[in-house]
Amino acid sequence: MELREIAAVTGRGGLFKIVQPTRTGVILESIDSNATRLVANGNDRVSILNEISIYTTDADGSKPLETVLHAITATFNGNLPVNPKSNNDELRAFMSKALPEYDENRVYVSDIKKLVSWYTILHTAYPELLSEQKEVKETKKEKAEKTTEEEPAEKPAAKKKAAAKKAAK
């Protein structure tokens, strides 16, 4: 499971697993013990978790949600000191400890409550999402570099074949 397979729907609590796209929307299944299904159409606002980021004051201006979730796991080791019903000061202190560079003016308490709620759901349902992934994925640039490194080895062989053909004539 990856964050790109999980969505939040505005106006509906909790998180949903993306089951299958349809002609007019997408079929979602709630991530809880009930596993209820719903069809989100064009009127529903669906946000995929890997496309969400948190405003920061650093040069980038934001951090992806996945990075923030990993930072929370590293800081609190899955045992959150707050819950969505905690008071505003506790929630802001939690966010400052988990992500010190978050933008206090643009990240509202309601956003932090949502983050805590989502973290709790993900920690319960998919704890492997929150652990740091050690495997390194090849980027397109790395693949291109490997391809260009292999080409010079192939070209001399092609030159030898061409020279052999000329000699045969």
Protein backbone atom coordinates (compact mmCIF):
# COMPACT_ATOMS: atom_id res chain seq x y z
CA MET A 1 0.00 0.00 0.00
CA GLU A 2 1.20 3.51 -0.83
CA LEU A 3 -0.11 6.98 -0.08
CA ARG A 4 -1.17 7.39 -3.70
CA GLU A 5 -3.74 4.64 -3.09
CA ILE A 6 -5.38 6.46 -0.15
CA ALA A 7 -7.70 9.46 -0.38
CA ALA A 8 -9.59 11.90 1.80
CA VAL A 9 -13.02 13.17 0.79
CA THR A 10 -14.14 16.64 1.85
CA GLY A 11 -17.17 16.45 4.11
CA ARG A 12 -16.60 12.82 5.08
CA GLY A 13 -14.50 11.83 8.07
CA GLY A 14 -11.68 9.35 7.82
CA LEU A 15 -9.61 8.03 4.96
CA PHE A 16 -10.54 5.87 2.00
CA LYS A 17 -8.70 3.29 -0.06
CA ILE A 18 -9.08 3.82 -3.80
CA VAL A 19 -10.64 0.65 -5.18
CA GLN A 20 -11.30 1.39 -8.84
CA PRO A 21 -11.98 4.34 -11.14
CA THR A 22 -15.34 4.57 -12.88
CA ARG A 23 -16.59 6.61 -15.84
CA THR A 24 -17.96 9.31 -13.59
CA GLY A 25 -15.73 9.12 -10.51
CA VAL A 26 -13.97 6.62 -8.32
CA ILE A 27 -15.01 3.77 -6.02
CA LEU A 28 -13.66 4.24 -2.49
CA GLU A 29 -13.62 1.93 0.52
CA SER A 30 -13.35 3.30 4.05
CA ILE A 31 -10.28 2.34 6.05
CA ASP A 32 -11.94 1.05 9.19
CA SER A 33 -13.57 -2.11 10.46
CA ASN A 34 -16.78 -1.46 8.48
CA ALA A 35 -15.05 -1.18 5.08
CA THR A 36 -18.06 0.61 3.58
CA ARG A 37 -17.86 1.52 -0.08
CA LEU A 38 -18.95 4.70 -1.80
CA VAL A 39 -18.72 6.21 -5.24
CA ALA A 40 -17.15 9.65 -5.31
CA ASN A 41 -18.32 11.54 -8.38
CA GLY A 42 -17.43 14.93 -9.85
CA ASN A 43 -19.27 16.79 -7.09
CA ASP A 44 -17.09 15.29 -4.33
CA ARG A 45 -13.70 16.79 -3.62
CA VAL A 46 -11.24 13.89 -3.39
CA SER A 47 -7.64 14.52 -2.28
CA ILE A 48 -5.05 11.81 -2.77
CA LEU A 49 -2.64 11.78 0.18
CA ASN A 50 0.59 11.79 -1.82
CA GLU A 51 -0.46 15.10 -3.41
CA ILE A 52 -0.95 16.88 -0.05
CA SER A 53 1.80 18.96 1.54
CA ILE A 54 2.26 21.09 4.66
CA TYR A 55 3.36 24.73 4.43
CA THR A 56 6.83 25.43 5.82
CA THR A 57 9.05 28.47 6.27
CA ASP A 58 12.08 26.91 4.58
CA ALA A 59 13.24 27.58 1.01
CA ASP A 60 10.95 24.92 -0.51
CA GLY A 61 7.82 26.41 1.01
CA SER A 62 6.20 23.05 1.78
CA LYS A 63 6.89 19.45 2.76
CA PRO A 64 5.04 16.45 1.31
CA LEU A 65 2.64 14.72 3.68
CA GLU A 66 4.68 11.52 3.46
CA THR A 67 7.76 13.33 4.78
CA VAL A 68 5.71 14.85 7.62
CA LEU A 69 4.26 11.44 8.55
CA HIS A 70 7.77 9.95 8.65
CA ALA A 71 8.94 12.87 10.82
CA ILE A 72 6.07 12.26 13.25
CA THR A 73 6.96 8.57 13.43
CA ALA A 74 10.64 9.36 14.01
CA THR A 75 9.84 11.93 16.70
CA PHE A 76 7.08 10.14 18.61
CA ASN A 77 7.60 6.50 17.57
CA GLY A 78 3.88 5.99 16.91
CA ASN A 79 2.75 7.17 20.37
CA LEU A 80 1.16 10.57 19.78
CA PRO A 81 0.92 12.84 22.82
CA VAL A 82 -2.20 14.49 21.37
CA ASN A 83 -5.50 13.53 19.78
CA PRO A 84 -7.78 15.53 17.47
CA LYS A 85 -9.73 16.79 20.50
CA SER A 86 -6.66 18.23 22.28
CA ASN A 87 -6.58 21.97 22.89
CA ASN A 88 -5.04 24.33 20.34
CA ASP A 89 -1.84 24.99 22.30
CA GLU A 90 -1.10 21.27 22.66
CA LEU A 91 -1.69 20.71 18.94
CA ARG A 92 0.62 23.59 17.95
CA ALA A 93 3.31 22.34 20.36
CA PHE A 94 2.98 18.87 18.84
CA MET A 95 3.39 20.27 15.33
CA SER A 96 6.38 22.38 16.37
CA LYS A 97 8.10 19.31 17.76
CA ALA A 98 7.28 17.06 14.78
CA LEU A 99 7.99 19.65 12.06
CA PRO A 100 9.78 22.70 13.54
CA GLU A 101 9.80 24.60 10.25
CA TYR A 102 6.03 24.48 9.67
CA ASP A 103 4.44 27.84 8.85
CA GLU A 104 2.35 28.82 11.89
CA ASN A 105 0.45 31.47 9.92
CA ARG A 106 -0.69 29.20 7.08
CA VAL A 107 -1.18 25.87 8.89
CA TYR A 108 -4.35 26.11 10.94
CA VAL A 109 -5.25 24.11 14.02
CA SER A 110 -7.95 22.35 11.98
CA ASP A 111 -5.19 21.15 9.60
CA ILE A 112 -3.19 19.78 12.54
CA LYS A 113 -6.29 18.00 13.88
CA LYS A 114 -6.79 16.40 10.47
CA LEU A 115 -3.12 15.39 10.36
CA VAL A 116 -3.35 13.76 13.80
CA SER A 117 -6.54 11.96 12.81
CA TRP A 118 -5.02 10.69 9.55
CA TYR A 119 -1.83 9.60 11.30
CA THR A 120 -3.86 7.61 13.84
CA ILE A 121 -5.86 5.90 11.08
CA LEU A 122 -2.75 5.07 9.04
CA HIS A 123 -0.84 3.87 12.10
CA THR A 124 -3.69 1.48 12.91
CA ALA A 125 -4.45 0.23 9.38
CA TYR A 126 -1.12 0.47 7.52
CA PRO A 127 1.83 0.89 9.93
CA GLU A 128 4.27 -0.06 7.15
CA LEU A 129 3.43 3.23 5.39
CA LEU A 130 4.79 5.22 8.29
CA SER A 131 8.16 3.49 8.60
CA GLU A 132 11.06 4.86 6.59
CA GLN A 133 11.55 2.93 3.38
CA LYS A 134 15.19 1.91 2.96
CA GLU A 135 15.02 0.71 -0.62
CA VAL A 136 16.31 3.16 -3.18
CA LYS A 137 14.32 3.56 -6.35
CA GLU A 138 16.07 4.34 -9.60
CA THR A 139 15.17 7.66 -11.10
CA LYS A 140 14.88 8.29 -14.81
CA LYS A 141 18.13 10.25 -14.69
CA GLU A 142 20.02 7.33 -13.12
CA LYS A 143 18.61 4.95 -15.74
CA ALA A 144 19.68 7.34 -18.51
CA GLU A 145 23.19 7.52 -17.05
CA LYS A 146 23.43 3.73 -16.98
CA THR A 147 22.28 3.55 -20.60
CA THR A 148 24.88 6.08 -21.78
CA GLU A 149 27.60 4.23 -19.89
CA GLU A 150 26.71 1.01 -21.70
CA GLU A 151 26.62 2.57 -25.18
CA PRO A 152 30.39 3.16 -25.59
CA ALA A 153 30.99 -0.53 -24.93
CA GLU A 154 28.57 -1.43 -27.71
CA LYS A 155 29.91 1.02 -30.31
CA PRO A 156 33.40 -0.52 -30.69
CA ALA A 157 31.78 -3.90 -31.33
CA ALA A 158 29.63 -2.28 -34.03
CA LYS A 159 32.74 -0.69 -35.56
CA LYS A 160 34.49 -4.08 -35.62
CA LYS A 161 31.51 -5.62 -37.45
CA ALA A 162 31.51 -2.81 -40.00
CA ALA A 163 35.28 -3.22 -40.52
CA ALA A 164 34.82 -6.98 -40.96
CA LYS A 165 32.13 -6.40 -43.61
CA LYS A 166 34.41 -4.01 -45.55
CA ALA A 167 37.26 -6.49 -45.39
CA ALA A 168 35.01 -9.26 -46.68
CA LYS A 169 34.10 -7.20 -49.78
